[in-house]
Amino acid sequence: VQLQASGGGLVQAGGSLRLSCAASGLTFSAYAMGWFRQAPGKEREFVVSISQSGVINYADSGKGRFTISRDNAKNTAYLQMNSLKPEDTAVYYCAARRTGTSRYDHWGQGTLVTVSS
């Protein structure tokens, strides 16, 4: 199983980025997908997830600014991030959780998002 996160970069505050997570080696449609982030010196935190059926669960930090989606035909999940703030600076990780379980079994390598003020 491989999850390949991409789309990170440097953006000014107020800007937008779209992250992608391309999955291979698993039955993508059978997995919930999640995005997590880890800021420098902080623990990794949950950002948002989307279930197999499209149910979305947001952490407070991303509500109203972040949108998760998935394209099962492309085995890819996306995270659209708008109105970015400097405190959104972090390494963003995508992860896959098999439907019916509570643990994310597979993790991508992370993509760095830096938001300048």
N, C-alpha and C. Protein backbone atom coordinates (compact mmCIF):
# COMPACT_ATOMS: atom_id res chain seq x y z
N VAL A 1 0.85 -1.19 0.00
CA VAL A 1 0.00 0.00 0.00
C VAL A 1 0.88 1.23 0.00
N GLN A 2 0.50 2.18 -0.83
CA GLN A 2 1.25 3.43 -0.89
C GLN A 2 0.29 4.59 -0.99
N LEU A 3 0.54 5.61 -0.15
CA LEU A 3 -0.20 6.85 -0.22
C LEU A 3 0.80 7.95 -0.54
N GLN A 4 0.55 8.65 -1.61
CA GLN A 4 1.47 9.68 -2.07
C GLN A 4 0.79 11.04 -1.95
N ALA A 5 1.22 11.82 -0.96
CA ALA A 5 0.66 13.16 -0.77
C ALA A 5 1.47 14.16 -1.57
N SER A 6 0.78 15.13 -2.13
CA SER A 6 1.45 16.17 -2.91
C SER A 6 0.63 17.45 -2.87
N GLY A 7 1.22 18.52 -3.36
CA GLY A 7 0.50 19.78 -3.48
C GLY A 7 0.89 20.83 -2.45
N GLY A 8 1.75 20.47 -1.53
CA GLY A 8 2.18 21.46 -0.54
C GLY A 8 3.07 22.51 -1.16
N GLY A 9 3.35 23.54 -0.39
CA GLY A 9 4.21 24.60 -0.88
C GLY A 9 4.13 25.81 0.01
N LEU A 10 4.67 26.90 -0.49
CA LEU A 10 4.68 28.17 0.22
C LEU A 10 3.58 29.06 -0.33
N VAL A 11 2.78 29.58 0.56
CA VAL A 11 1.68 30.44 0.15
C VAL A 11 1.53 31.58 1.15
N GLN A 12 1.07 32.71 0.69
CA GLN A 12 0.83 33.83 1.58
C GLN A 12 -0.47 33.63 2.36
N ALA A 13 -0.54 34.26 3.51
CA ALA A 13 -1.76 34.21 4.29
C ALA A 13 -2.94 34.69 3.45
N GLY A 14 -4.04 33.97 3.57
CA GLY A 14 -5.21 34.27 2.76
C GLY A 14 -5.28 33.50 1.47
N GLY A 15 -4.20 32.84 1.12
CA GLY A 15 -4.15 32.08 -0.11
C GLY A 15 -4.75 30.70 0.02
N SER A 16 -4.62 29.94 -1.06
CA SER A 16 -5.22 28.59 -1.13
C SER A 16 -4.21 27.58 -1.64
N LEU A 17 -4.42 26.37 -1.24
CA LEU A 17 -3.67 25.23 -1.76
C LEU A 17 -4.61 24.04 -1.87
N ARG A 18 -4.29 23.16 -2.80
CA ARG A 18 -5.03 21.91 -2.93
C ARG A 18 -4.05 20.76 -2.80
N LEU A 19 -4.24 19.97 -1.78
CA LEU A 19 -3.42 18.79 -1.59
C LEU A 19 -4.09 17.58 -2.22
N SER A 20 -3.27 16.67 -2.70
CA SER A 20 -3.77 15.43 -3.27
C SER A 20 -3.12 14.26 -2.56
N CYS A 21 -3.85 13.16 -2.51
CA CYS A 21 -3.33 11.93 -1.92
C CYS A 21 -3.70 10.79 -2.85
N ALA A 22 -2.72 10.31 -3.58
CA ALA A 22 -2.93 9.22 -4.52
C ALA A 22 -2.64 7.89 -3.83
N ALA A 23 -3.60 7.00 -3.87
CA ALA A 23 -3.47 5.72 -3.19
C ALA A 23 -3.27 4.59 -4.19
N SER A 24 -2.49 3.62 -3.80
CA SER A 24 -2.29 2.43 -4.62
C SER A 24 -2.10 1.23 -3.71
N GLY A 25 -2.43 0.06 -4.24
CA GLY A 25 -2.24 -1.16 -3.47
C GLY A 25 -3.35 -1.48 -2.50
N LEU A 26 -4.45 -0.75 -2.58
CA LEU A 26 -5.59 -1.04 -1.73
C LEU A 26 -6.88 -0.78 -2.51
N THR A 27 -7.97 -1.32 -2.00
CA THR A 27 -9.28 -1.05 -2.59
C THR A 27 -9.77 0.28 -2.05
N PHE A 28 -9.46 1.32 -2.78
CA PHE A 28 -9.64 2.69 -2.29
C PHE A 28 -11.06 2.94 -1.79
N SER A 29 -12.02 2.42 -2.51
CA SER A 29 -13.42 2.69 -2.16
C SER A 29 -13.84 2.04 -0.84
N ALA A 30 -13.02 1.15 -0.33
CA ALA A 30 -13.33 0.48 0.93
C ALA A 30 -12.71 1.17 2.14
N TYR A 31 -12.07 2.29 1.90
CA TYR A 31 -11.36 2.99 2.95
C TYR A 31 -11.89 4.40 3.15
N ALA A 32 -11.94 4.79 4.42
CA ALA A 32 -12.08 6.20 4.75
C ALA A 32 -10.72 6.85 4.61
N MET A 33 -10.73 8.10 4.22
CA MET A 33 -9.48 8.83 4.05
C MET A 33 -9.45 10.02 5.00
N GLY A 34 -8.30 10.25 5.57
CA GLY A 34 -8.17 11.36 6.50
C GLY A 34 -6.95 12.20 6.19
N TRP A 35 -7.03 13.43 6.63
CA TRP A 35 -5.88 14.34 6.58
C TRP A 35 -5.52 14.73 8.01
N PHE A 36 -4.25 14.70 8.29
CA PHE A 36 -3.70 15.10 9.57
C PHE A 36 -2.59 16.10 9.29
N ARG A 37 -2.19 16.80 10.34
CA ARG A 37 -1.07 17.72 10.17
C ARG A 37 -0.24 17.75 11.44
N GLN A 38 1.02 18.10 11.24
CA GLN A 38 1.92 18.24 12.38
C GLN A 38 2.74 19.50 12.19
N ALA A 39 2.50 20.44 13.08
CA ALA A 39 3.24 21.70 13.05
C ALA A 39 4.55 21.52 13.81
N PRO A 40 5.54 22.35 13.53
CA PRO A 40 6.82 22.25 14.22
C PRO A 40 6.66 22.30 15.73
N GLY A 41 7.22 21.32 16.40
CA GLY A 41 7.17 21.29 17.86
C GLY A 41 5.85 20.86 18.46
N LYS A 42 4.93 20.44 17.61
CA LYS A 42 3.61 20.04 18.10
C LYS A 42 3.31 18.60 17.71
N GLU A 43 2.31 18.04 18.34
CA GLU A 43 1.88 16.69 18.01
C GLU A 43 1.02 16.71 16.74
N ARG A 44 1.00 15.58 16.13
CA ARG A 44 0.15 15.45 14.95
C ARG A 44 -1.31 15.57 15.35
N GLU A 45 -2.09 16.26 14.53
CA GLU A 45 -3.50 16.45 14.86
C GLU A 45 -4.38 16.13 13.65
N PHE A 46 -5.57 15.71 13.97
CA PHE A 46 -6.57 15.40 12.96
C PHE A 46 -7.09 16.69 12.34
N VAL A 47 -7.28 16.66 11.02
CA VAL A 47 -7.83 17.82 10.31
C VAL A 47 -9.23 17.52 9.79
N VAL A 48 -9.35 16.47 9.01
CA VAL A 48 -10.64 16.15 8.40
C VAL A 48 -10.60 14.74 7.84
N SER A 49 -11.76 14.12 7.75
CA SER A 49 -11.84 12.80 7.13
C SER A 49 -13.08 12.69 6.27
N ILE A 50 -13.04 11.73 5.36
CA ILE A 50 -14.20 11.44 4.52
C ILE A 50 -14.36 9.93 4.49
N SER A 51 -15.57 9.49 4.76
CA SER A 51 -15.81 8.06 4.84
C SER A 51 -15.96 7.47 3.44
N GLN A 52 -16.10 6.16 3.43
CA GLN A 52 -16.34 5.45 2.18
C GLN A 52 -17.57 5.99 1.46
N SER A 53 -18.57 6.35 2.24
CA SER A 53 -19.83 6.81 1.67
C SER A 53 -19.90 8.32 1.50
N GLY A 54 -18.83 9.01 1.87
CA GLY A 54 -18.79 10.45 1.67
C GLY A 54 -19.14 11.28 2.89
N VAL A 55 -19.30 10.65 4.03
CA VAL A 55 -19.57 11.41 5.24
C VAL A 55 -18.27 12.10 5.69
N ILE A 56 -18.38 13.38 5.98
CA ILE A 56 -17.20 14.19 6.29
C ILE A 56 -17.21 14.59 7.76
N ASN A 57 -16.04 14.54 8.35
CA ASN A 57 -15.87 14.92 9.75
C ASN A 57 -14.71 15.90 9.83
N TYR A 58 -14.98 17.11 10.31
CA TYR A 58 -13.97 18.15 10.39
C TYR A 58 -13.53 18.40 11.82
N ALA A 59 -12.27 18.69 11.99
CA ALA A 59 -11.81 19.29 13.23
C ALA A 59 -12.16 20.77 13.19
N ASP A 60 -12.23 21.38 14.34
CA ASP A 60 -12.62 22.80 14.38
C ASP A 60 -11.65 23.68 13.58
N SER A 61 -10.40 23.29 13.53
CA SER A 61 -9.39 24.12 12.86
C SER A 61 -9.66 24.28 11.37
N GLY A 62 -10.35 23.34 10.78
CA GLY A 62 -10.55 23.39 9.34
C GLY A 62 -11.95 23.73 8.89
N LYS A 63 -12.86 23.79 9.82
CA LYS A 63 -14.25 24.05 9.45
C LYS A 63 -14.39 25.39 8.76
N GLY A 64 -15.08 25.38 7.64
CA GLY A 64 -15.34 26.61 6.91
C GLY A 64 -14.23 27.02 5.96
N ARG A 65 -13.05 26.46 6.12
CA ARG A 65 -11.93 26.84 5.25
C ARG A 65 -11.39 25.67 4.44
N PHE A 66 -11.51 24.48 4.99
CA PHE A 66 -10.97 23.29 4.32
C PHE A 66 -12.11 22.43 3.79
N THR A 67 -11.87 21.83 2.64
CA THR A 67 -12.85 20.93 2.05
C THR A 67 -12.15 19.65 1.60
N ILE A 68 -12.65 18.54 2.07
CA ILE A 68 -12.11 17.25 1.65
C ILE A 68 -13.03 16.65 0.60
N SER A 69 -12.43 15.93 -0.32
CA SER A 69 -13.21 15.22 -1.34
C SER A 69 -12.43 13.98 -1.75
N ARG A 70 -13.09 13.14 -2.50
CA ARG A 70 -12.43 11.93 -2.98
C ARG A 70 -12.96 11.57 -4.36
N ASP A 71 -12.10 10.98 -5.13
CA ASP A 71 -12.47 10.50 -6.47
C ASP A 71 -12.08 9.02 -6.50
N ASN A 72 -13.05 8.18 -6.31
CA ASN A 72 -12.76 6.74 -6.24
C ASN A 72 -12.25 6.20 -7.58
N ALA A 73 -12.66 6.81 -8.65
CA ALA A 73 -12.18 6.36 -9.96
C ALA A 73 -10.69 6.62 -10.13
N LYS A 74 -10.19 7.63 -9.44
CA LYS A 74 -8.77 7.98 -9.54
C LYS A 74 -7.98 7.54 -8.31
N ASN A 75 -8.66 6.88 -7.37
CA ASN A 75 -7.99 6.46 -6.12
C ASN A 75 -7.27 7.63 -5.45
N THR A 76 -7.94 8.76 -5.41
CA THR A 76 -7.30 9.97 -4.91
C THR A 76 -8.25 10.72 -3.99
N ALA A 77 -7.67 11.23 -2.91
CA ALA A 77 -8.38 12.13 -2.01
C ALA A 77 -7.75 13.51 -2.12
N TYR A 78 -8.55 14.51 -1.84
CA TYR A 78 -8.08 15.89 -1.98
C TYR A 78 -8.39 16.67 -0.71
N LEU A 79 -7.59 17.69 -0.49
CA LEU A 79 -7.87 18.64 0.58
C LEU A 79 -7.69 20.04 0.00
N GLN A 80 -8.80 20.71 -0.17
CA GLN A 80 -8.78 22.10 -0.63
C GLN A 80 -8.72 23.00 0.60
N MET A 81 -7.71 23.81 0.66
CA MET A 81 -7.51 24.69 1.81
C MET A 81 -7.57 26.14 1.34
N ASN A 82 -8.51 26.88 1.89
CA ASN A 82 -8.69 28.29 1.55
C ASN A 82 -8.45 29.16 2.76
N SER A 83 -8.27 30.43 2.51
CA SER A 83 -8.06 31.41 3.60
C SER A 83 -7.00 30.91 4.58
N LEU A 84 -5.89 30.50 4.04
CA LEU A 84 -4.86 29.92 4.88
C LEU A 84 -4.27 30.95 5.83
N LYS A 85 -3.89 30.46 7.00
CA LYS A 85 -3.32 31.29 8.05
C LYS A 85 -1.92 30.79 8.38
N PRO A 86 -1.09 31.64 8.93
CA PRO A 86 0.26 31.17 9.32
C PRO A 86 0.21 29.96 10.25
N GLU A 87 -0.81 29.88 11.08
CA GLU A 87 -0.90 28.74 12.01
C GLU A 87 -1.29 27.45 11.31
N ASP A 88 -1.60 27.50 10.03
CA ASP A 88 -1.83 26.29 9.25
C ASP A 88 -0.52 25.67 8.76
N THR A 89 0.57 26.36 8.99
CA THR A 89 1.87 25.81 8.59
C THR A 89 2.14 24.49 9.30
N ALA A 90 2.40 23.46 8.50
CA ALA A 90 2.58 22.11 9.05
C ALA A 90 2.93 21.16 7.92
N VAL A 91 3.35 19.98 8.32
CA VAL A 91 3.41 18.88 7.36
C VAL A 91 2.06 18.20 7.39
N TYR A 92 1.48 18.06 6.23
CA TYR A 92 0.15 17.46 6.11
C TYR A 92 0.29 16.02 5.62
N TYR A 93 -0.38 15.13 6.32
CA TYR A 93 -0.32 13.71 6.00
C TYR A 93 -1.71 13.21 5.62
N CYS A 94 -1.75 12.36 4.62
CA CYS A 94 -3.00 11.66 4.36
C CYS A 94 -2.88 10.24 4.93
N ALA A 95 -4.03 9.68 5.26
CA ALA A 95 -4.06 8.35 5.85
C ALA A 95 -5.32 7.63 5.43
N ALA A 96 -5.24 6.31 5.45
CA ALA A 96 -6.38 5.47 5.04
C ALA A 96 -6.80 4.57 6.19
N ARG A 97 -8.10 4.50 6.38
CA ARG A 97 -8.67 3.67 7.45
C ARG A 97 -9.74 2.77 6.84
N ARG A 98 -9.58 1.49 7.02
CA ARG A 98 -10.53 0.56 6.45
C ARG A 98 -11.89 0.78 7.10
N THR A 99 -12.90 0.83 6.31
CA THR A 99 -14.26 1.04 6.82
C THR A 99 -14.59 0.01 7.89
N GLY A 100 -15.15 0.50 8.99
CA GLY A 100 -15.52 -0.38 10.09
C GLY A 100 -14.46 -0.49 11.16
N THR A 101 -13.32 0.12 10.94
CA THR A 101 -12.26 0.12 11.95
C THR A 101 -12.03 1.54 12.44
N SER A 102 -11.29 1.66 13.50
CA SER A 102 -11.06 2.98 14.09
C SER A 102 -9.63 3.46 13.92
N ARG A 103 -8.78 2.63 13.38
CA ARG A 103 -7.37 2.99 13.27
C ARG A 103 -6.98 3.23 11.82
N TYR A 104 -6.19 4.28 11.65
CA TYR A 104 -5.64 4.53 10.32
C TYR A 104 -4.43 3.62 10.12
N ASP A 105 -4.54 2.75 9.15
CA ASP A 105 -3.52 1.73 8.95
C ASP A 105 -2.40 2.16 8.02
N HIS A 106 -2.72 3.06 7.12
CA HIS A 106 -1.74 3.42 6.09
C HIS A 106 -1.58 4.94 6.07
N TRP A 107 -0.32 5.35 5.95
CA TRP A 107 0.00 6.77 6.00
C TRP A 107 0.88 7.16 4.82
N GLY A 108 0.63 8.37 4.34
CA GLY A 108 1.50 8.93 3.32
C GLY A 108 2.73 9.56 3.95
N GLN A 109 3.61 10.07 3.10
CA GLN A 109 4.89 10.58 3.59
C GLN A 109 4.80 12.02 4.05
N GLY A 110 3.71 12.70 3.77
CA GLY A 110 3.57 14.09 4.20
C GLY A 110 3.99 15.08 3.14
N THR A 111 3.32 16.20 3.14
CA THR A 111 3.67 17.30 2.25
C THR A 111 3.65 18.59 3.06
N LEU A 112 4.67 19.40 2.90
CA LEU A 112 4.85 20.58 3.73
C LEU A 112 4.06 21.76 3.18
N VAL A 113 3.29 22.35 4.06
CA VAL A 113 2.56 23.58 3.75
C VAL A 113 3.12 24.70 4.62
N THR A 114 3.57 25.75 4.00
CA THR A 114 4.10 26.90 4.73
C THR A 114 3.29 28.13 4.35
N VAL A 115 2.73 28.76 5.35
CA VAL A 115 1.91 29.95 5.12
C VAL A 115 2.64 31.15 5.72
N SER A 116 2.99 32.08 4.87
CA SER A 116 3.71 33.26 5.33
C SER A 116 2.74 34.38 5.67
N SER A 117 3.14 35.19 6.63
CA SER A 117 2.26 36.30 7.05
C SER A 117 2.54 37.57 6.27
